[in-house]
Amino acid sequence: MHPPSRSAHGRIAQALAFLTISCALSVQAAPSKQPAKKQVSTTASKRAAAKDEPRKRVVVKVERQKAVVAKAAPRGKVARSAKAPVRAAAATAAVATAAAVARPSFGQIAGLHMVNDPLDLKSSVALVVDQDTKEVLLSKNDHAVLPIASLTKLMTGLLISEAKLPMDEQITITQDDVDTEKHSSSRLRVGTTLTRGEMMHLALMSSENRAAHALGRSYPGGLQAFVRQMNAKAKLLGMNDTRYIEPTGLSSSNQSSAHDLAVLVNVAHADPLLRELSTSPGFEVAVGNRMMQFNNTNRLVKSDNWDIGLQKTGYISEAGRCLVMQARVSGRKLIMVFLDSAGRFSRLGDAERVRSWVESMGPHAARTTTAAHIKG
């Protein structure tokens, strides 16, 4: 065999040089995953070293939303497999929160908040009526038709009460009662069994959605028969602006006007059971082997400044904050309706403003304040 020529040696050397340069360029251009892993590990180690306790709390912030707090791995260890799910869950929660915050109510879309009133109410819709004389003391967009959220449960409770169904009958929460529209949480897990009376109490006092849905589902004829009865009752009462498609209020298709709701409050107030359950400050029920405390969603029922005969709150983003009440103020029995209030406590603030205003008028003063009416 002849030894390689000098030109062959040159070609081999050039090929080796070219291969070396190509490998170097490939390494430089390719994204390095290992340093990122080391960086994560180093960051986690620094955080772990900053704490003496065996477990720590890691705060994950996503796009200026509220921090989502989750427990991390024990000190000195980095649970890489758990980090991704935690961050993904945090991101999902933050996006859902951002969407809920950014979504305007139907009243905002319709421009109802642009209507001014003398009391500077934060609710875009308001109606205050003397229950005895039917005198309208305050009116603001009272015929606007808007989503009513959990004010729906007042009609749910009225129908269950009027049906004279056994209140001691056991009802079990099923998967059908789980909210698949708003994905709201509930303390009543699937499989929880309570009496119909307890379900009524939680629905009217704590606005428990699964309890309200179970009441409609267990109605004779089933859920659809119950919804038909809700609409039939509304028509019978002359609530012509009102429409129901389910018994909880989670759907924005459950809609009504302040005028119609004042009619419903007047009728519901005549039912002793609804008066008692809706104004109950708190209620304790046995769920399995433990006792669970539920509280009223309306803190005014605990106030010594208020004499409330019936109430119901409601909220979904499309409806804003809602409140209906029957209350005695300055010797007068009043029906108050507040819809599409902006701000967590603004509906209660509006009720306080109305109470102070009526008290300043005196017990027998006749004075009507009307804001512009907008048909929604």
Protein backbone atom coordinates (compact mmCIF):
# COMPACT_ATOMS: atom_id res chain seq x y z
CA MET A 1 0.00 0.00 0.00
CA HIS A 2 1.34 3.44 -0.97
CA PRO A 3 1.54 6.12 1.72
CA PRO A 4 -0.89 9.05 1.30
CA SER A 5 0.41 11.81 -0.82
CA ARG A 6 1.13 15.27 0.51
CA SER A 7 -2.01 16.61 -1.24
CA ALA A 8 -4.15 13.88 0.42
CA HIS A 9 -2.76 14.89 3.82
CA GLY A 10 -3.74 18.47 3.06
CA ARG A 11 -7.31 17.50 2.15
CA ILE A 12 -7.70 15.44 5.35
CA ALA A 13 -6.40 18.31 7.46
CA GLN A 14 -8.84 20.75 5.81
CA ALA A 15 -11.76 18.37 6.38
CA LEU A 16 -10.88 17.96 10.06
CA ALA A 17 -10.57 21.72 10.49
CA PHE A 18 -13.93 22.29 8.79
CA LEU A 19 -15.59 19.64 11.01
CA THR A 20 -14.15 21.23 14.15
CA ILE A 21 -15.39 24.72 13.17
CA SER A 22 -18.89 23.36 12.31
CA CYS A 23 -19.20 21.63 15.69
CA ALA A 24 -18.12 24.79 17.48
CA LEU A 25 -20.66 26.90 15.61
CA SER A 26 -23.42 24.36 16.30
CA VAL A 27 -22.71 24.40 20.02
CA GLN A 28 -22.65 28.19 20.07
CA ALA A 29 -25.91 28.57 18.11
CA ALA A 30 -27.95 25.90 19.92
CA PRO A 31 -29.98 27.11 22.98
CA SER A 32 -28.45 25.81 26.16
CA LYS A 33 -30.94 24.14 28.45
CA GLN A 34 -28.45 23.04 31.07
CA PRO A 35 -27.46 26.57 32.23
CA ALA A 36 -31.16 27.41 32.64
CA LYS A 37 -31.62 24.38 34.84
CA LYS A 38 -28.57 25.36 36.86
CA GLN A 39 -29.92 28.88 37.18
CA VAL A 40 -33.26 27.64 38.48
CA SER A 41 -31.51 25.32 40.88
CA THR A 42 -29.18 28.11 42.05
CA THR A 43 -32.07 30.52 42.56
CA ALA A 44 -34.05 27.94 44.50
CA SER A 45 -30.99 27.13 46.62
CA LYS A 46 -30.50 30.80 47.48
CA ARG A 47 -34.13 31.10 48.50
CA ALA A 48 -33.91 27.93 50.55
CA ALA A 49 -30.74 29.14 52.27
CA ALA A 50 -32.51 32.37 53.27
CA LYS A 51 -34.93 30.42 55.48
CA ASP A 52 -34.20 28.27 58.53
CA GLU A 53 -37.53 26.45 58.70
CA PRO A 54 -37.89 23.11 56.87
CA ARG A 55 -40.55 24.44 54.47
CA LYS A 56 -40.95 27.80 52.77
CA ARG A 57 -43.49 29.78 50.78
CA VAL A 58 -42.76 30.78 47.23
CA VAL A 59 -44.62 33.76 45.74
CA VAL A 60 -45.22 33.53 42.01
CA LYS A 61 -46.36 36.75 40.33
CA VAL A 62 -48.01 36.72 36.92
CA GLU A 63 -48.69 39.89 34.95
CA ARG A 64 -49.32 42.25 37.88
CA GLN A 65 -52.09 40.03 39.18
CA LYS A 66 -52.32 38.93 42.82
CA ALA A 67 -49.49 36.71 43.89
CA VAL A 68 -50.32 33.02 43.94
CA VAL A 69 -48.79 31.39 46.98
CA ALA A 70 -47.82 27.71 47.00
CA LYS A 71 -45.76 25.51 49.28
CA ALA A 72 -42.37 24.60 47.89
CA ALA A 73 -40.20 21.52 48.30
CA PRO A 74 -38.27 20.89 51.53
CA ARG A 75 -35.16 22.91 52.20
CA GLY A 76 -32.21 22.13 49.96
CA LYS A 77 -34.31 20.26 47.38
CA VAL A 78 -35.78 21.57 44.15
CA ALA A 79 -38.98 19.84 43.06
CA ARG A 80 -38.56 20.56 39.36
CA SER A 81 -41.50 18.39 38.37
CA ALA A 82 -43.80 20.37 40.69
CA LYS A 83 -42.63 23.82 39.60
CA ALA A 84 -44.19 23.73 36.14
CA PRO A 85 -47.69 22.72 37.35
CA VAL A 86 -47.58 25.38 40.09
CA ARG A 87 -46.59 28.09 37.64
CA ALA A 88 -49.14 26.88 35.10
CA ALA A 89 -51.88 26.92 37.74
CA ALA A 90 -50.80 30.38 38.85
CA ALA A 91 -50.87 31.65 35.29
CA THR A 92 -54.28 30.13 34.66
CA ALA A 93 -55.70 31.64 37.85
CA ALA A 94 -54.21 35.03 37.03
CA VAL A 95 -55.62 35.01 33.51
CA ALA A 96 -59.05 34.01 34.82
CA THR A 97 -58.91 36.78 37.43
CA ALA A 98 -57.83 39.33 34.84
CA ALA A 99 -60.69 38.31 32.55
CA ALA A 100 -63.22 38.60 35.36
CA VAL A 101 -61.92 42.02 36.38
CA ALA A 102 -61.77 43.33 32.83
CA ARG A 103 -65.22 42.10 31.79
CA PRO A 104 -67.73 44.98 31.98
CA SER A 105 -71.24 44.49 33.30
CA PHE A 106 -74.25 44.76 31.03
CA GLY A 107 -75.11 48.04 32.75
CA GLN A 108 -71.70 49.48 31.99
CA ILE A 109 -71.99 48.44 28.36
CA ALA A 110 -75.41 50.13 28.15
CA GLY A 111 -74.05 53.33 29.70
CA LEU A 112 -76.36 53.18 32.71
CA HIS A 113 -73.64 54.38 35.07
CA MET A 114 -73.62 57.71 33.24
CA VAL A 115 -77.03 58.55 34.70
CA ASN A 116 -76.65 60.77 37.77
CA ASP A 117 -78.81 60.78 40.87
CA PRO A 118 -79.03 63.10 43.90
CA LEU A 119 -77.58 60.51 46.28
CA ASP A 120 -74.57 59.70 44.10
CA LEU A 121 -75.37 55.99 44.19
CA LYS A 122 -72.81 53.54 42.85
CA SER A 123 -75.56 51.28 41.52
CA SER A 124 -76.59 52.03 37.96
CA VAL A 125 -80.12 50.85 38.77
CA ALA A 126 -82.03 51.67 41.95
CA LEU A 127 -85.61 51.70 43.17
CA VAL A 128 -86.96 52.56 46.62
CA VAL A 129 -90.67 52.05 47.22
CA ASP A 130 -92.89 52.53 50.27
CA GLN A 131 -94.29 49.01 50.75
CA ASP A 132 -97.60 50.20 52.19
CA THR A 133 -98.46 53.16 49.96
CA LYS A 134 -96.54 52.00 46.83
CA GLU A 135 -95.07 55.50 46.67
CA VAL A 136 -91.82 55.60 44.71
CA LEU A 137 -89.23 57.49 46.76
CA LEU A 138 -86.28 56.95 44.45
CA SER A 139 -86.10 55.74 40.89
CA LYS A 140 -83.04 55.29 38.69
CA ASN A 141 -83.19 53.23 35.51
CA ASP A 142 -85.79 51.06 37.24
CA HIS A 143 -87.07 49.51 34.00
CA ALA A 144 -83.64 48.58 32.65
CA VAL A 145 -83.47 44.81 32.13
CA LEU A 146 -80.20 43.35 33.42
CA PRO A 147 -78.76 40.05 34.71
CA ILE A 148 -79.75 39.58 38.35
CA ALA A 149 -77.25 36.94 39.51
CA SER A 150 -78.20 35.28 42.82
CA LEU A 151 -81.28 37.45 43.30
CA THR A 152 -82.66 34.53 41.28
CA LYS A 153 -82.60 32.44 44.45
CA LEU A 154 -85.42 34.51 45.90
CA MET A 155 -87.77 33.07 43.29
CA THR A 156 -86.23 29.62 43.84
CA GLY A 157 -86.95 29.82 47.54
CA LEU A 158 -90.47 31.16 46.99
CA LEU A 159 -91.44 28.25 44.75
CA ILE A 160 -89.98 25.63 47.09
CA SER A 161 -91.83 27.17 50.04
CA GLU A 162 -95.13 27.42 48.18
CA ALA A 163 -94.83 23.81 46.95
CA LYS A 164 -95.10 22.63 50.58
CA LEU A 165 -92.49 19.95 49.98
CA PRO A 166 -91.23 18.10 53.09
CA MET A 167 -88.40 20.20 54.54
CA ASP A 168 -86.90 17.20 56.32
CA GLU A 169 -86.44 15.20 53.10
CA GLN A 170 -82.81 14.34 52.42
CA ILE A 171 -81.23 15.76 49.26
CA THR A 172 -77.76 14.77 48.05
CA ILE A 173 -75.46 17.03 46.05
CA THR A 174 -74.59 15.35 42.75
CA GLN A 175 -72.27 16.14 39.87
CA ASP A 176 -75.25 17.75 38.12
CA ASP A 177 -75.18 20.49 40.78
CA VAL A 178 -71.57 21.46 40.04
CA ASP A 179 -71.23 24.82 38.30
CA THR A 180 -69.94 24.27 34.77
CA GLU A 181 -70.67 27.82 33.59
CA LYS A 182 -68.72 30.07 35.97
CA HIS A 183 -66.77 27.22 37.62
CA SER A 184 -67.54 28.71 41.02
CA SER A 185 -66.41 26.90 44.15
CA SER A 186 -68.64 25.41 46.81
CA ARG A 187 -68.18 24.04 50.30
CA LEU A 188 -70.83 21.42 49.57
CA ARG A 189 -68.93 18.59 47.96
CA VAL A 190 -70.52 16.04 45.67
CA GLY A 191 -72.06 13.41 47.92
CA THR A 192 -73.02 15.87 50.69
CA THR A 193 -76.50 15.12 52.01
CA LEU A 194 -78.63 17.73 53.76
CA THR A 195 -82.33 18.23 54.33
CA ARG A 196 -84.37 20.37 51.95
CA GLY A 197 -84.77 22.90 54.74
CA GLU A 198 -81.00 23.12 55.20
CA MET A 199 -80.49 23.51 51.46
CA MET A 200 -83.05 26.34 51.47
CA HIS A 201 -81.29 28.02 54.38
CA LEU A 202 -77.89 27.94 52.68
CA ALA A 203 -79.28 29.08 49.33
CA LEU A 204 -81.07 32.12 50.74
CA MET A 205 -78.60 33.11 53.46
CA SER A 206 -75.19 32.17 52.03
CA SER A 207 -76.21 32.13 48.36
CA GLU A 208 -74.98 28.53 48.04
CA ASN A 209 -75.23 27.68 44.34
CA ARG A 210 -75.13 23.90 44.62
CA ALA A 211 -77.84 24.01 47.25
CA ALA A 212 -80.08 26.14 45.01
CA HIS A 213 -79.47 23.89 42.02
CA ALA A 214 -80.23 20.78 44.09
CA LEU A 215 -83.52 22.37 45.19
CA GLY A 216 -84.55 22.88 41.58
CA ARG A 217 -83.30 19.47 40.47
CA SER A 218 -85.24 17.68 43.21
CA TYR A 219 -88.47 19.55 42.46
CA PRO A 220 -91.33 17.32 41.22
CA GLY A 221 -90.83 16.88 37.49
CA GLY A 222 -87.14 17.79 37.64
CA LEU A 223 -85.09 20.88 36.85
CA GLN A 224 -86.79 21.84 33.60
CA ALA A 225 -90.22 21.66 35.22
CA PHE A 226 -88.91 23.89 38.00
CA VAL A 227 -87.56 26.51 35.57
CA ARG A 228 -90.90 26.53 33.73
CA GLN A 229 -92.61 27.12 37.05
CA MET A 230 -90.23 30.01 37.81
CA ASN A 231 -91.22 31.76 34.60
CA ALA A 232 -94.89 30.97 35.07
CA LYS A 233 -94.79 32.50 38.56
CA ALA A 234 -93.06 35.61 37.25
CA LYS A 235 -95.75 36.02 34.60
CA LEU A 236 -98.48 35.50 37.17
CA LEU A 237 -97.01 38.28 39.33
CA GLY A 238 -96.86 40.65 36.36
CA MET A 239 -93.05 40.51 36.15
CA ASN A 240 -93.05 41.01 32.40
CA ASP A 241 -89.37 41.97 32.17
CA THR A 242 -88.21 38.80 33.92
CA ARG A 243 -86.81 35.59 32.47
CA TYR A 244 -85.21 32.58 34.18
CA ILE A 245 -83.28 29.69 32.63
CA GLU A 246 -81.86 28.11 35.82
CA PRO A 247 -82.36 28.37 39.62
CA THR A 248 -79.00 29.76 40.83
CA GLY A 249 -78.37 33.01 38.96
CA LEU A 250 -75.00 31.93 37.60
CA SER A 251 -76.30 32.45 34.07
CA SER A 252 -76.40 36.00 32.76
CA SER A 253 -79.57 35.00 30.89
CA ASN A 254 -81.48 35.22 34.17
CA GLN A 255 -82.65 38.81 33.81
CA SER A 256 -85.13 41.22 35.35
CA SER A 257 -85.75 44.89 36.12
CA ALA A 258 -85.79 46.76 39.42
CA HIS A 259 -89.52 47.27 39.00
CA ASP A 260 -90.13 43.51 38.66
CA LEU A 261 -87.81 42.69 41.55
CA ALA A 262 -89.67 45.08 43.84
CA VAL A 263 -92.81 43.07 43.08
CA LEU A 264 -91.00 39.82 43.92
CA VAL A 265 -89.61 41.21 47.19
CA ASN A 266 -93.09 42.31 48.24
CA VAL A 267 -94.52 38.82 47.61
CA ALA A 268 -91.57 36.98 49.16
CA HIS A 269 -91.75 39.15 52.28
CA ALA A 270 -95.20 37.75 52.96
CA ASP A 271 -93.66 34.28 53.40
CA PRO A 272 -92.48 33.79 57.01
CA LEU A 273 -89.97 31.07 56.03
CA LEU A 274 -88.25 33.30 53.47
CA ARG A 275 -88.09 36.17 55.97
CA GLU A 276 -86.49 33.93 58.57
CA LEU A 277 -83.96 32.17 56.35
CA SER A 278 -82.82 35.16 54.28
CA THR A 279 -82.10 37.34 57.33
CA SER A 280 -80.42 34.64 59.43
CA PRO A 281 -76.93 35.92 60.40
CA GLY A 282 -75.38 32.45 60.37
CA PHE A 283 -76.16 28.75 60.28
CA GLU A 284 -74.24 25.62 61.24
CA VAL A 285 -74.84 22.32 59.49
CA ALA A 286 -73.44 18.84 59.95
CA VAL A 287 -71.56 17.74 56.83
CA GLY A 288 -70.37 14.21 57.28
CA ASN A 289 -68.59 13.96 60.63
CA ARG A 290 -67.95 17.68 61.05
CA MET A 291 -69.90 20.86 61.60
CA MET A 292 -69.64 23.67 59.04
CA GLN A 293 -70.46 27.30 59.74
CA PHE A 294 -72.09 29.39 57.01
CA ASN A 295 -72.71 33.14 57.23
CA ASN A 296 -75.01 35.65 55.61
CA THR A 297 -73.67 37.37 52.50
CA ASN A 298 -75.28 40.62 53.67
CA ARG A 299 -73.50 41.99 56.74
CA LEU A 300 -76.27 44.55 57.32
CA VAL A 301 -78.43 41.83 58.90
CA LYS A 302 -76.05 41.94 61.88
CA SER A 303 -76.21 45.72 62.25
CA ASP A 304 -78.19 47.30 65.06
CA ASN A 305 -78.92 50.24 62.75
CA TRP A 306 -81.03 48.10 60.45
CA ASP A 307 -84.41 46.38 60.80
CA ILE A 308 -84.37 44.06 57.77
CA GLY A 309 -87.37 41.84 57.05
CA LEU A 310 -86.05 40.12 53.90
CA GLN A 311 -82.91 40.38 51.80
CA LYS A 312 -80.87 38.77 49.04
CA THR A 313 -77.53 39.60 47.48
CA GLY A 314 -76.13 38.63 44.12
CA TYR A 315 -73.03 38.90 41.98
CA ILE A 316 -71.67 37.80 38.63
CA SER A 317 -69.47 40.03 36.50
CA GLU A 318 -72.26 40.58 33.96
CA ALA A 319 -74.65 41.76 36.68
CA GLY A 320 -72.34 43.69 38.98
CA ARG A 321 -73.13 43.75 42.70
CA CYS A 322 -76.84 43.40 43.42
CA LEU A 323 -79.02 43.72 46.51
CA VAL A 324 -82.73 43.63 47.31
CA MET A 325 -84.18 44.27 50.77
CA GLN A 326 -87.33 44.91 52.70
CA ALA A 327 -86.47 47.11 55.68
CA ARG A 328 -88.13 49.44 58.15
CA VAL A 329 -86.57 52.90 58.05
CA SER A 330 -87.78 55.86 60.05
CA GLY A 331 -91.12 54.16 60.69
CA ARG A 332 -91.68 53.29 57.02
CA LYS A 333 -91.55 49.84 55.45
CA LEU A 334 -89.42 50.17 52.36
CA ILE A 335 -88.49 47.92 49.47
CA MET A 336 -85.02 48.65 48.09
CA VAL A 337 -83.52 47.34 44.87
CA PHE A 338 -79.93 48.01 43.80
CA LEU A 339 -78.53 46.49 40.61
CA ASP A 340 -75.18 46.67 38.84
CA SER A 341 -73.29 48.33 41.68
CA ALA A 342 -69.61 48.97 41.07
CA GLY A 343 -67.35 47.94 43.95
CA ARG A 344 -67.45 45.11 46.45
CA PHE A 345 -69.22 47.02 49.24
CA SER A 346 -70.88 49.72 47.16
CA ARG A 347 -74.35 48.13 47.22
CA LEU A 348 -74.28 48.23 51.02
CA GLY A 349 -73.05 51.81 50.86
CA ASP A 350 -75.97 52.69 48.59
CA ALA A 351 -78.39 51.14 51.09
CA GLU A 352 -76.81 53.22 53.85
CA ARG A 353 -77.14 56.39 51.75
CA VAL A 354 -80.82 55.69 51.15
CA ARG A 355 -81.43 55.00 54.83
CA SER A 356 -79.77 58.26 55.89
CA TRP A 357 -81.69 60.16 53.22
CA VAL A 358 -85.06 58.73 54.27
CA GLU A 359 -84.30 59.39 57.95
CA SER A 360 -83.49 63.01 57.11
CA MET A 361 -86.91 63.36 55.45
CA GLY A 362 -88.84 62.39 58.57
CA PRO A 363 -91.36 59.56 59.00
CA HIS A 364 -94.23 61.12 57.06
CA ALA A 365 -92.49 63.23 54.46
CA ALA A 366 -93.56 62.63 50.88
CA ARG A 367 -90.72 63.27 48.49
CA THR A 368 -89.90 61.50 45.27
CA THR A 369 -86.54 61.62 43.54
CA THR A 370 -86.34 60.36 40.01
CA ALA A 371 -83.29 59.88 37.83
CA ALA A 372 -83.54 59.35 34.09
CA HIS A 373 -85.26 56.15 33.02
CA ILE A 374 -83.46 53.99 30.50
CA LYS A 375 -85.02 50.90 29.07
CA GLY A 376 -82.27 48.28 28.94
